[in-house]
Amino acid sequence: MSHEQQKYTSFSTTKKRPRELSPDTNPHPPQQQRRELINPSPVVYFTKPRSKDPPLVPDVSHKFNASDIFDVIRDIKDPEHPFTLEQLNIVNKHLVKVEEQVYGGIKDILVTVQFTPTVPHCSLASLIGLCIRTKLTRELSKNTKIIVNITPGSHNSVLELNRQLNDKERIIAALENTSLRKIVENCLKD
């Protein structure tokens, strides 16, 4: 059987039957399909339906909470699989924190998001973190400080990756790379 004829299978925790994807429904280009997958059969989790609330609008006067932030990042697509970060349990509402901070009379908001890669050796963890940071930067106001970290103990290189994910110069350099920016934009598409 040729590679194009193979079916891609992933397993759900809520159903006993595997969920099958045909190659024509796989959103990844053929060159990505040919490479070996980092996690060939990820666990796909049941997700709760989205609330009918209006989307988060960058507004200084709006007080948003962890649920609002989670709603912004939950639909980001995984760079390797045709599932969202929420479906793969990479992002969780309980790993999002929103705090108000006052420095010299100026109120700032600190948003901290931790995410958990599906495997401890995931080479796409920095790309996932870049997608989360890019989405939040676009959606939130300028007075919001964003920290994106990998959940402690969930990756072999947590410290190095956390340093990279919160280094402004590295983030800017990564997004200047045309091919990397295309991948990020593809993950952020609705």
N, C-alpha and C. Protein backbone atom coordinates (compact mmCIF):
# COMPACT_ATOMS: atom_id res chain seq x y z
N MET A 1 0.86 -1.18 0.00
CA MET A 1 0.00 0.00 0.00
C MET A 1 0.90 1.23 0.00
N SER A 2 0.63 2.18 -0.91
CA SER A 2 1.44 3.39 -0.96
C SER A 2 1.13 4.29 0.24
N HIS A 3 2.04 5.22 0.46
CA HIS A 3 1.88 6.11 1.62
C HIS A 3 0.59 6.93 1.51
N GLU A 4 0.23 7.34 0.27
CA GLU A 4 -0.98 8.15 0.08
C GLU A 4 -2.26 7.36 0.38
N GLN A 5 -2.20 6.03 0.26
CA GLN A 5 -3.39 5.22 0.47
C GLN A 5 -3.58 4.83 1.94
N GLN A 6 -2.56 5.01 2.75
CA GLN A 6 -2.66 4.64 4.15
C GLN A 6 -3.63 5.57 4.87
N LYS A 7 -4.28 5.04 5.89
CA LYS A 7 -5.16 5.87 6.72
C LYS A 7 -4.43 6.24 7.98
N TYR A 8 -4.68 7.44 8.46
CA TYR A 8 -4.07 7.92 9.68
C TYR A 8 -5.05 7.67 10.82
N THR A 9 -4.56 7.09 11.89
CA THR A 9 -5.42 6.73 13.00
C THR A 9 -4.93 7.38 14.27
N SER A 10 -5.85 7.92 15.02
CA SER A 10 -5.54 8.40 16.36
C SER A 10 -6.64 7.91 17.27
N PHE A 11 -6.36 7.88 18.55
CA PHE A 11 -7.31 7.29 19.48
C PHE A 11 -7.91 8.33 20.38
N SER A 12 -9.16 8.14 20.69
CA SER A 12 -9.90 9.05 21.56
C SER A 12 -10.07 8.40 22.92
N THR A 13 -10.03 9.22 23.96
CA THR A 13 -10.23 8.68 25.30
C THR A 13 -11.70 8.47 25.62
N THR A 14 -12.58 9.09 24.84
CA THR A 14 -14.00 8.96 25.16
C THR A 14 -14.67 7.86 24.35
N LYS A 15 -14.04 7.40 23.31
CA LYS A 15 -14.61 6.33 22.50
C LYS A 15 -13.58 5.22 22.39
N LYS A 16 -14.03 4.02 22.24
CA LYS A 16 -13.13 2.88 22.12
C LYS A 16 -12.66 2.69 20.68
N ARG A 17 -13.40 3.21 19.70
CA ARG A 17 -13.01 3.04 18.29
C ARG A 17 -12.03 4.12 17.88
N PRO A 18 -11.05 3.79 17.03
CA PRO A 18 -10.12 4.82 16.56
C PRO A 18 -10.81 5.76 15.59
N ARG A 19 -10.35 6.97 15.58
CA ARG A 19 -10.87 7.97 14.64
C ARG A 19 -9.94 7.96 13.44
N GLU A 20 -10.49 7.71 12.24
CA GLU A 20 -9.65 7.56 11.07
C GLU A 20 -9.71 8.82 10.20
N LEU A 21 -8.57 9.12 9.63
CA LEU A 21 -8.47 10.25 8.71
C LEU A 21 -7.91 9.74 7.40
N SER A 22 -8.53 10.08 6.32
CA SER A 22 -7.96 9.70 5.03
C SER A 22 -6.93 10.75 4.64
N PRO A 23 -5.98 10.41 3.77
CA PRO A 23 -4.94 11.36 3.38
C PRO A 23 -5.49 12.64 2.77
N ASP A 24 -6.64 12.56 2.10
CA ASP A 24 -7.18 13.77 1.48
C ASP A 24 -7.81 14.72 2.50
N THR A 25 -8.06 14.28 3.74
CA THR A 25 -8.57 15.19 4.77
C THR A 25 -7.45 15.69 5.67
N ASN A 26 -6.24 15.15 5.48
CA ASN A 26 -5.10 15.59 6.27
C ASN A 26 -4.65 16.95 5.76
N PRO A 27 -4.64 18.01 6.60
CA PRO A 27 -4.32 19.35 6.14
C PRO A 27 -2.84 19.59 5.89
N HIS A 28 -1.99 18.63 6.23
CA HIS A 28 -0.57 18.82 6.06
C HIS A 28 -0.14 18.48 4.63
N PRO A 29 0.75 19.26 4.04
CA PRO A 29 1.21 18.99 2.69
C PRO A 29 1.93 17.64 2.61
N PRO A 30 2.03 17.05 1.40
CA PRO A 30 2.63 15.73 1.24
C PRO A 30 4.06 15.64 1.78
N GLN A 31 4.86 16.72 1.66
CA GLN A 31 6.23 16.64 2.16
C GLN A 31 6.24 16.44 3.67
N GLN A 32 5.24 16.97 4.40
CA GLN A 32 5.17 16.75 5.84
C GLN A 32 4.68 15.34 6.15
N GLN A 33 3.85 14.78 5.28
CA GLN A 33 3.32 13.44 5.52
C GLN A 33 4.41 12.38 5.37
N ARG A 34 5.41 12.65 4.52
CA ARG A 34 6.45 11.67 4.26
C ARG A 34 7.44 11.55 5.42
N ARG A 35 7.64 12.62 6.16
CA ARG A 35 8.60 12.55 7.26
C ARG A 35 8.00 11.74 8.40
N GLU A 36 8.86 11.22 9.23
CA GLU A 36 8.39 10.43 10.36
C GLU A 36 7.75 11.34 11.39
N LEU A 37 6.60 10.95 11.89
CA LEU A 37 5.89 11.76 12.87
C LEU A 37 6.55 11.65 14.24
N ILE A 38 6.56 12.74 14.98
CA ILE A 38 7.13 12.74 16.32
C ILE A 38 6.25 11.91 17.26
N ASN A 39 4.94 12.07 17.11
CA ASN A 39 3.98 11.29 17.89
C ASN A 39 2.99 10.71 16.89
N PRO A 40 3.22 9.49 16.39
CA PRO A 40 2.39 8.95 15.32
C PRO A 40 0.94 8.66 15.70
N SER A 41 0.64 8.46 16.97
CA SER A 41 -0.75 8.20 17.35
C SER A 41 -1.09 8.93 18.65
N PRO A 42 -1.35 10.23 18.55
CA PRO A 42 -1.66 10.98 19.77
C PRO A 42 -3.05 10.64 20.31
N VAL A 43 -3.21 10.84 21.60
CA VAL A 43 -4.52 10.66 22.22
C VAL A 43 -5.33 11.92 21.94
N VAL A 44 -6.54 11.74 21.47
CA VAL A 44 -7.43 12.87 21.18
C VAL A 44 -8.51 12.90 22.24
N TYR A 45 -8.66 14.05 22.90
CA TYR A 45 -9.58 14.18 24.02
C TYR A 45 -10.89 14.83 23.58
N PHE A 46 -11.94 14.53 24.29
CA PHE A 46 -13.23 15.17 24.08
C PHE A 46 -13.12 16.63 24.50
N THR A 47 -13.69 17.53 23.71
CA THR A 47 -13.66 18.95 24.06
C THR A 47 -15.07 19.47 24.26
N LYS A 48 -15.20 20.38 25.20
CA LYS A 48 -16.50 20.98 25.47
C LYS A 48 -16.83 21.99 24.38
N PRO A 49 -18.11 22.13 24.05
CA PRO A 49 -18.49 23.12 23.04
C PRO A 49 -18.14 24.53 23.50
N ARG A 50 -17.84 25.36 22.54
CA ARG A 50 -17.50 26.75 22.82
C ARG A 50 -18.73 27.50 23.28
N SER A 51 -18.52 28.42 24.23
CA SER A 51 -19.64 29.23 24.71
C SER A 51 -20.03 30.23 23.63
N LYS A 52 -21.20 30.81 23.75
CA LYS A 52 -21.72 31.76 22.76
C LYS A 52 -21.27 33.19 23.03
N ASP A 53 -20.36 33.36 24.01
CA ASP A 53 -19.89 34.70 24.34
C ASP A 53 -19.15 35.32 23.17
N PRO A 54 -19.15 36.65 23.07
CA PRO A 54 -18.41 37.29 22.00
C PRO A 54 -16.92 37.06 22.17
N PRO A 55 -16.15 37.10 21.07
CA PRO A 55 -14.72 36.88 21.19
C PRO A 55 -14.04 37.99 21.98
N LEU A 56 -12.88 37.67 22.51
CA LEU A 56 -12.11 38.62 23.29
C LEU A 56 -11.65 39.77 22.39
N VAL A 57 -11.90 40.99 22.83
CA VAL A 57 -11.50 42.17 22.07
C VAL A 57 -10.43 42.90 22.88
N PRO A 58 -9.31 43.28 22.22
CA PRO A 58 -8.29 43.99 22.98
C PRO A 58 -8.79 45.35 23.45
N ASP A 59 -9.11 45.43 24.70
CA ASP A 59 -9.65 46.66 25.28
C ASP A 59 -9.10 46.78 26.69
N VAL A 60 -8.49 47.91 26.97
CA VAL A 60 -7.86 48.12 28.26
C VAL A 60 -8.87 48.02 29.40
N SER A 61 -10.10 48.47 29.17
CA SER A 61 -11.09 48.49 30.23
C SER A 61 -11.71 47.11 30.47
N HIS A 62 -11.57 46.20 29.51
CA HIS A 62 -12.18 44.87 29.64
C HIS A 62 -11.38 44.02 30.62
N LYS A 63 -12.05 43.48 31.62
CA LYS A 63 -11.39 42.57 32.55
C LYS A 63 -11.63 41.16 32.05
N PHE A 64 -10.58 40.54 31.60
CA PHE A 64 -10.73 39.17 31.13
C PHE A 64 -10.12 38.22 32.14
N ASN A 65 -10.50 36.95 32.01
CA ASN A 65 -10.05 35.94 32.96
C ASN A 65 -9.41 34.78 32.21
N ALA A 66 -9.03 33.75 32.95
CA ALA A 66 -8.35 32.60 32.35
C ALA A 66 -9.23 31.91 31.31
N SER A 67 -10.54 31.88 31.51
CA SER A 67 -11.44 31.26 30.52
C SER A 67 -11.41 32.01 29.19
N ASP A 68 -11.35 33.35 29.26
CA ASP A 68 -11.27 34.15 28.04
C ASP A 68 -9.98 33.84 27.28
N ILE A 69 -8.88 33.77 28.00
CA ILE A 69 -7.58 33.48 27.38
C ILE A 69 -7.59 32.08 26.78
N PHE A 70 -8.14 31.12 27.52
CA PHE A 70 -8.22 29.76 27.01
C PHE A 70 -9.04 29.70 25.72
N ASP A 71 -10.14 30.46 25.66
CA ASP A 71 -10.95 30.49 24.44
C ASP A 71 -10.17 31.02 23.24
N VAL A 72 -9.21 31.89 23.50
CA VAL A 72 -8.39 32.44 22.41
C VAL A 72 -7.44 31.36 21.86
N ILE A 73 -6.85 30.54 22.72
CA ILE A 73 -5.82 29.60 22.27
C ILE A 73 -6.30 28.18 22.02
N ARG A 74 -7.49 27.85 22.42
CA ARG A 74 -7.94 26.46 22.35
C ARG A 74 -8.06 25.91 20.94
N ASP A 75 -8.31 26.78 19.95
CA ASP A 75 -8.51 26.33 18.58
C ASP A 75 -7.26 26.40 17.70
N ILE A 76 -6.12 26.72 18.29
CA ILE A 76 -4.87 26.69 17.52
C ILE A 76 -4.64 25.25 17.08
N LYS A 77 -4.26 25.07 15.83
CA LYS A 77 -4.05 23.72 15.31
C LYS A 77 -2.64 23.24 15.62
N ASP A 78 -2.53 21.96 15.88
CA ASP A 78 -1.23 21.34 16.11
C ASP A 78 -0.44 21.33 14.79
N PRO A 79 0.87 21.63 14.81
CA PRO A 79 1.62 21.66 13.56
C PRO A 79 1.83 20.28 12.93
N GLU A 80 1.63 19.22 13.69
CA GLU A 80 1.88 17.87 13.18
C GLU A 80 0.61 17.10 12.84
N HIS A 81 -0.46 17.35 13.57
CA HIS A 81 -1.70 16.58 13.41
C HIS A 81 -2.88 17.51 13.12
N PRO A 82 -3.93 17.00 12.51
CA PRO A 82 -5.09 17.84 12.17
C PRO A 82 -6.06 18.05 13.33
N PHE A 83 -5.52 18.26 14.52
CA PHE A 83 -6.33 18.47 15.72
C PHE A 83 -5.92 19.79 16.36
N THR A 84 -6.80 20.29 17.23
CA THR A 84 -6.48 21.53 17.95
C THR A 84 -5.62 21.20 19.17
N LEU A 85 -5.01 22.24 19.72
CA LEU A 85 -4.21 22.04 20.93
C LEU A 85 -5.08 21.56 22.09
N GLU A 86 -6.33 22.00 22.11
CA GLU A 86 -7.25 21.54 23.16
C GLU A 86 -7.56 20.05 22.99
N GLN A 87 -7.82 19.61 21.76
CA GLN A 87 -8.15 18.21 21.52
C GLN A 87 -7.00 17.28 21.90
N LEU A 88 -5.77 17.76 21.77
CA LEU A 88 -4.60 16.95 22.13
C LEU A 88 -4.19 17.16 23.58
N ASN A 89 -4.95 17.95 24.31
CA ASN A 89 -4.69 18.24 25.72
C ASN A 89 -3.34 18.93 25.93
N ILE A 90 -2.91 19.68 24.95
CA ILE A 90 -1.67 20.45 25.05
C ILE A 90 -1.93 21.71 25.86
N VAL A 91 -3.10 22.30 25.69
CA VAL A 91 -3.49 23.46 26.50
C VAL A 91 -4.71 23.08 27.33
N ASN A 92 -4.75 23.60 28.55
CA ASN A 92 -5.85 23.37 29.49
C ASN A 92 -6.19 24.68 30.18
N LYS A 93 -7.45 24.85 30.50
CA LYS A 93 -7.88 26.08 31.18
C LYS A 93 -7.19 26.25 32.53
N HIS A 94 -6.94 25.16 33.24
CA HIS A 94 -6.32 25.27 34.56
C HIS A 94 -4.83 25.63 34.50
N LEU A 95 -4.23 25.65 33.30
CA LEU A 95 -2.83 26.04 33.14
C LEU A 95 -2.69 27.48 32.63
N VAL A 96 -3.79 28.24 32.69
CA VAL A 96 -3.79 29.64 32.25
C VAL A 96 -4.05 30.51 33.48
N LYS A 97 -3.24 31.55 33.65
CA LYS A 97 -3.42 32.47 34.78
C LYS A 97 -3.43 33.90 34.27
N VAL A 98 -4.30 34.71 34.87
CA VAL A 98 -4.38 36.14 34.55
C VAL A 98 -4.26 36.90 35.87
N GLU A 99 -3.30 37.83 35.93
CA GLU A 99 -3.09 38.62 37.14
C GLU A 99 -2.97 40.09 36.78
N GLU A 100 -3.51 40.94 37.62
CA GLU A 100 -3.32 42.39 37.45
C GLU A 100 -2.14 42.81 38.30
N GLN A 101 -1.26 43.62 37.72
CA GLN A 101 -0.10 44.13 38.44
C GLN A 101 -0.06 45.64 38.29
N VAL A 102 0.35 46.34 39.34
CA VAL A 102 0.47 47.80 39.29
C VAL A 102 1.92 48.18 39.56
N TYR A 103 2.51 48.89 38.62
CA TYR A 103 3.88 49.39 38.75
C TYR A 103 3.86 50.89 38.56
N GLY A 104 4.20 51.63 39.60
CA GLY A 104 4.25 53.09 39.50
C GLY A 104 2.93 53.71 39.09
N GLY A 105 1.84 53.14 39.56
CA GLY A 105 0.52 53.67 39.24
C GLY A 105 -0.04 53.21 37.90
N ILE A 106 0.74 52.45 37.13
CA ILE A 106 0.28 51.94 35.83
C ILE A 106 -0.13 50.49 36.00
N LYS A 107 -1.36 50.20 35.57
CA LYS A 107 -1.89 48.84 35.71
C LYS A 107 -1.51 48.02 34.47
N ASP A 108 -0.87 46.91 34.72
CA ASP A 108 -0.54 45.96 33.66
C ASP A 108 -1.24 44.64 33.97
N ILE A 109 -1.38 43.85 32.93
CA ILE A 109 -1.99 42.53 33.09
C ILE A 109 -0.95 41.50 32.69
N LEU A 110 -0.77 40.50 33.53
CA LEU A 110 0.17 39.41 33.26
C LEU A 110 -0.63 38.16 32.92
N VAL A 111 -0.41 37.64 31.73
CA VAL A 111 -1.05 36.40 31.29
C VAL A 111 0.03 35.33 31.21
N THR A 112 -0.15 34.26 31.95
CA THR A 112 0.79 33.14 31.93
C THR A 112 0.08 31.91 31.41
N VAL A 113 0.65 31.31 30.37
CA VAL A 113 0.08 30.10 29.78
C VAL A 113 1.14 29.01 29.83
N GLN A 114 0.79 27.89 30.41
CA GLN A 114 1.65 26.71 30.36
C GLN A 114 1.00 25.72 29.41
N PHE A 115 1.83 25.02 28.65
CA PHE A 115 1.30 23.99 27.76
C PHE A 115 2.13 22.72 27.93
N THR A 116 1.51 21.59 27.58
CA THR A 116 2.12 20.29 27.79
C THR A 116 2.24 19.56 26.45
N PRO A 117 3.47 19.41 25.94
CA PRO A 117 3.64 18.64 24.68
C PRO A 117 3.15 17.21 24.86
N THR A 118 2.77 16.57 23.76
CA THR A 118 2.22 15.21 23.84
C THR A 118 3.29 14.17 24.15
N VAL A 119 4.55 14.46 23.83
CA VAL A 119 5.65 13.55 24.15
C VAL A 119 6.81 14.36 24.73
N PRO A 120 7.62 13.79 25.62
CA PRO A 120 8.68 14.55 26.27
C PRO A 120 9.84 14.95 25.36
N HIS A 121 9.94 14.38 24.18
CA HIS A 121 11.00 14.72 23.24
C HIS A 121 10.47 15.51 22.04
N CYS A 122 9.33 16.13 22.18
CA CYS A 122 8.67 16.84 21.08
C CYS A 122 9.55 17.97 20.53
N SER A 123 9.93 17.85 19.26
CA SER A 123 10.77 18.89 18.64
C SER A 123 9.93 20.07 18.16
N LEU A 124 8.62 19.95 18.23
CA LEU A 124 7.73 21.04 17.80
C LEU A 124 7.25 21.89 18.97
N ALA A 125 7.76 21.64 20.16
CA ALA A 125 7.31 22.38 21.35
C ALA A 125 7.56 23.88 21.20
N SER A 126 8.72 24.26 20.67
CA SER A 126 8.99 25.70 20.50
C SER A 126 8.05 26.31 19.47
N LEU A 127 7.70 25.56 18.44
CA LEU A 127 6.76 26.06 17.43
C LEU A 127 5.36 26.21 18.02
N ILE A 128 4.94 25.27 18.84
CA ILE A 128 3.64 25.37 19.51
C ILE A 128 3.60 26.59 20.41
N GLY A 129 4.67 26.78 21.18
CA GLY A 129 4.75 27.96 22.05
C GLY A 129 4.73 29.25 21.26
N LEU A 130 5.41 29.28 20.11
CA LEU A 130 5.42 30.45 19.24
C LEU A 130 4.01 30.74 18.72
N CYS A 131 3.27 29.70 18.38
CA CYS A 131 1.88 29.88 17.91
C CYS A 131 1.01 30.47 19.02
N ILE A 132 1.15 29.95 20.23
CA ILE A 132 0.36 30.45 21.36
C ILE A 132 0.68 31.92 21.61
N ARG A 133 1.98 32.25 21.66
CA ARG A 133 2.39 33.63 21.90
C ARG A 133 1.90 34.56 20.79
N THR A 134 2.02 34.15 19.54
CA THR A 134 1.59 34.98 18.41
C THR A 134 0.09 35.25 18.48
N LYS A 135 -0.70 34.22 18.76
CA LYS A 135 -2.16 34.38 18.86
C LYS A 135 -2.53 35.34 19.98
N LEU A 136 -1.90 35.19 21.14
CA LEU A 136 -2.20 36.07 22.27
C LEU A 136 -1.76 37.50 22.00
N THR A 137 -0.61 37.68 21.38
CA THR A 137 -0.12 39.02 21.06
C THR A 137 -1.09 39.74 20.14
N ARG A 138 -1.67 39.03 19.20
CA ARG A 138 -2.63 39.63 18.26
C ARG A 138 -3.96 39.96 18.93
N GLU A 139 -4.36 39.17 19.91
CA GLU A 139 -5.68 39.32 20.51
C GLU A 139 -5.73 40.25 21.73
N LEU A 140 -4.60 40.42 22.41
CA LEU A 140 -4.61 41.17 23.66
C LEU A 140 -4.05 42.57 23.49
N SER A 141 -4.39 43.44 24.45
CA SER A 141 -3.94 44.83 24.38
C SER A 141 -2.44 44.93 24.68
N LYS A 142 -1.87 46.08 24.34
CA LYS A 142 -0.43 46.31 24.49
C LYS A 142 0.03 46.30 25.95
N ASN A 143 -0.86 46.60 26.88
CA ASN A 143 -0.45 46.63 28.29
C ASN A 143 -0.49 45.25 28.93
N THR A 144 -0.53 44.21 28.12
CA THR A 144 -0.58 42.85 28.62
C THR A 144 0.78 42.20 28.43
N LYS A 145 1.35 41.70 29.51
CA LYS A 145 2.60 40.95 29.43
C LYS A 145 2.24 39.47 29.30
N ILE A 146 2.86 38.80 28.33
CA ILE A 146 2.55 37.41 28.05
C ILE A 146 3.75 36.54 28.38
N ILE A 147 3.52 35.50 29.15
CA ILE A 147 4.56 34.51 29.44
C ILE A 147 4.02 33.15 28.99
N VAL A 148 4.77 32.48 28.14
CA VAL A 148 4.39 31.15 27.65
C VAL A 148 5.48 30.19 28.09
N ASN A 149 5.10 29.15 28.82
CA ASN A 149 6.05 28.16 29.32
C ASN A 149 5.54 26.76 29.08
N ILE A 150 6.48 25.84 29.05
CA ILE A 150 6.14 24.42 29.00
C ILE A 150 5.93 23.95 30.44
N THR A 151 4.94 23.11 30.65
CA THR A 151 4.64 22.58 31.98
C THR A 151 5.88 21.86 32.53
N PRO A 152 6.29 22.20 33.74
CA PRO A 152 7.49 21.57 34.32
C PRO A 152 7.40 20.05 34.30
N GLY A 153 8.50 19.41 33.87
CA GLY A 153 8.58 17.96 33.83
C GLY A 153 7.95 17.30 32.62
N SER A 154 7.36 18.09 31.71
CA SER A 154 6.67 17.49 30.56
C SER A 154 7.53 17.42 29.30
N HIS A 155 8.74 17.97 29.35
CA HIS A 155 9.63 17.95 28.18
C HIS A 155 11.07 17.78 28.66
N ASN A 156 11.88 17.16 27.82
CA ASN A 156 13.28 16.91 28.18
C ASN A 156 14.11 18.19 28.26
N SER A 157 13.70 19.25 27.58
CA SER A 157 14.46 20.51 27.53
C SER A 157 13.63 21.69 28.01
N VAL A 158 12.95 21.53 29.11
CA VAL A 158 12.02 22.56 29.60
C VAL A 158 12.71 23.91 29.79
N LEU A 159 13.82 23.95 30.48
CA LEU A 159 14.46 25.23 30.80
C LEU A 159 14.92 25.97 29.56
N GLU A 160 15.58 25.28 28.64
CA GLU A 160 16.05 25.93 27.41
C GLU A 160 14.88 26.44 26.57
N LEU A 161 13.84 25.62 26.44
CA LEU A 161 12.69 26.03 25.63
C LEU A 161 11.93 27.19 26.27
N ASN A 162 11.78 27.19 27.59
CA ASN A 162 11.10 28.30 28.25
C ASN A 162 11.86 29.60 28.05
N ARG A 163 13.19 29.53 28.13
CA ARG A 163 14.01 30.71 27.89
C ARG A 163 13.81 31.22 26.46
N GLN A 164 13.80 30.30 25.51
CA GLN A 164 13.61 30.66 24.11
C GLN A 164 12.22 31.25 23.86
N LEU A 165 11.19 30.67 24.46
CA LEU A 165 9.82 31.11 24.23
C LEU A 165 9.53 32.50 24.78
N ASN A 166 10.35 32.97 25.70
CA ASN A 166 10.11 34.28 26.31
C ASN A 166 11.21 35.30 25.98
N ASP A 167 12.02 34.99 24.98
CA ASP A 167 13.07 35.89 24.51
C ASP A 167 12.53 36.67 23.31
N LYS A 168 12.28 37.97 23.50
CA LYS A 168 11.66 38.79 22.45
C LYS A 168 12.45 38.79 21.15
N GLU A 169 13.77 38.84 21.24
CA GLU A 169 14.59 38.86 20.03
C GLU A 169 14.48 37.56 19.25
N ARG A 170 14.46 36.45 19.94
CA ARG A 170 14.30 35.15 19.25
C ARG A 170 12.93 35.02 18.62
N ILE A 171 11.91 35.54 19.29
CA ILE A 171 10.55 35.47 18.75
C ILE A 171 10.46 36.29 17.46
N ILE A 172 11.01 37.49 17.49
CA ILE A 172 10.99 38.35 16.30
C ILE A 172 11.76 37.69 15.16
N ALA A 173 12.94 37.14 15.47
CA ALA A 173 13.75 36.48 14.44
C ALA A 173 13.01 35.27 13.86
N ALA A 174 12.33 34.50 14.71
CA ALA A 174 11.60 33.33 14.23
C ALA A 174 10.48 33.73 13.28
N LEU A 175 9.77 34.81 13.61
CA LEU A 175 8.65 35.23 12.78
C LEU A 175 9.10 35.94 11.50
N GLU A 176 10.37 36.34 11.43
CA GLU A 176 10.91 36.90 10.19
C GLU A 176 11.23 35.81 9.18
N ASN A 177 11.37 34.58 9.65
CA ASN A 177 11.63 33.45 8.77
C ASN A 177 10.33 33.12 8.03
N THR A 178 10.35 33.26 6.69
CA THR A 178 9.14 33.10 5.88
C THR A 178 8.50 31.73 6.04
N SER A 179 9.28 30.67 5.97
CA SER A 179 8.69 29.33 6.05
C SER A 179 8.12 29.06 7.44
N LEU A 180 8.80 29.54 8.48
CA LEU A 180 8.29 29.36 9.84
C LEU A 180 7.02 30.18 10.05
N ARG A 181 7.00 31.40 9.52
CA ARG A 181 5.81 32.24 9.65
C ARG A 181 4.61 31.60 8.94
N LYS A 182 4.85 30.94 7.79
CA LYS A 182 3.76 30.25 7.07
C LYS A 182 3.18 29.13 7.93
N ILE A 183 4.04 28.38 8.60
CA ILE A 183 3.57 27.29 9.46
C ILE A 183 2.74 27.86 10.61
N VAL A 184 3.22 28.94 11.22
CA VAL A 184 2.49 29.57 12.32
C VAL A 184 1.13 30.06 11.84
N GLU A 185 1.10 30.73 10.69
CA GLU A 185 -0.18 31.23 10.14
C GLU A 185 -1.14 30.09 9.85
N ASN A 186 -0.62 28.97 9.36
CA ASN A 186 -1.47 27.81 9.08
C ASN A 186 -2.07 27.25 10.38
N CYS A 187 -1.29 27.23 11.44
CA CYS A 187 -1.79 26.74 12.73
C CYS A 187 -2.83 27.68 13.33
N LEU A 188 -2.76 28.97 13.00
CA LEU A 188 -3.67 29.96 13.58
C LEU A 188 -4.94 30.18 12.76
N LYS A 189 -5.01 29.58 11.57
CA LYS A 189 -6.20 29.74 10.74
C LYS A 189 -7.43 29.21 11.46
N ASP A 190 -8.56 29.90 11.25
CA ASP A 190 -9.83 29.44 11.86
C ASP A 190 -10.44 28.33 11.08
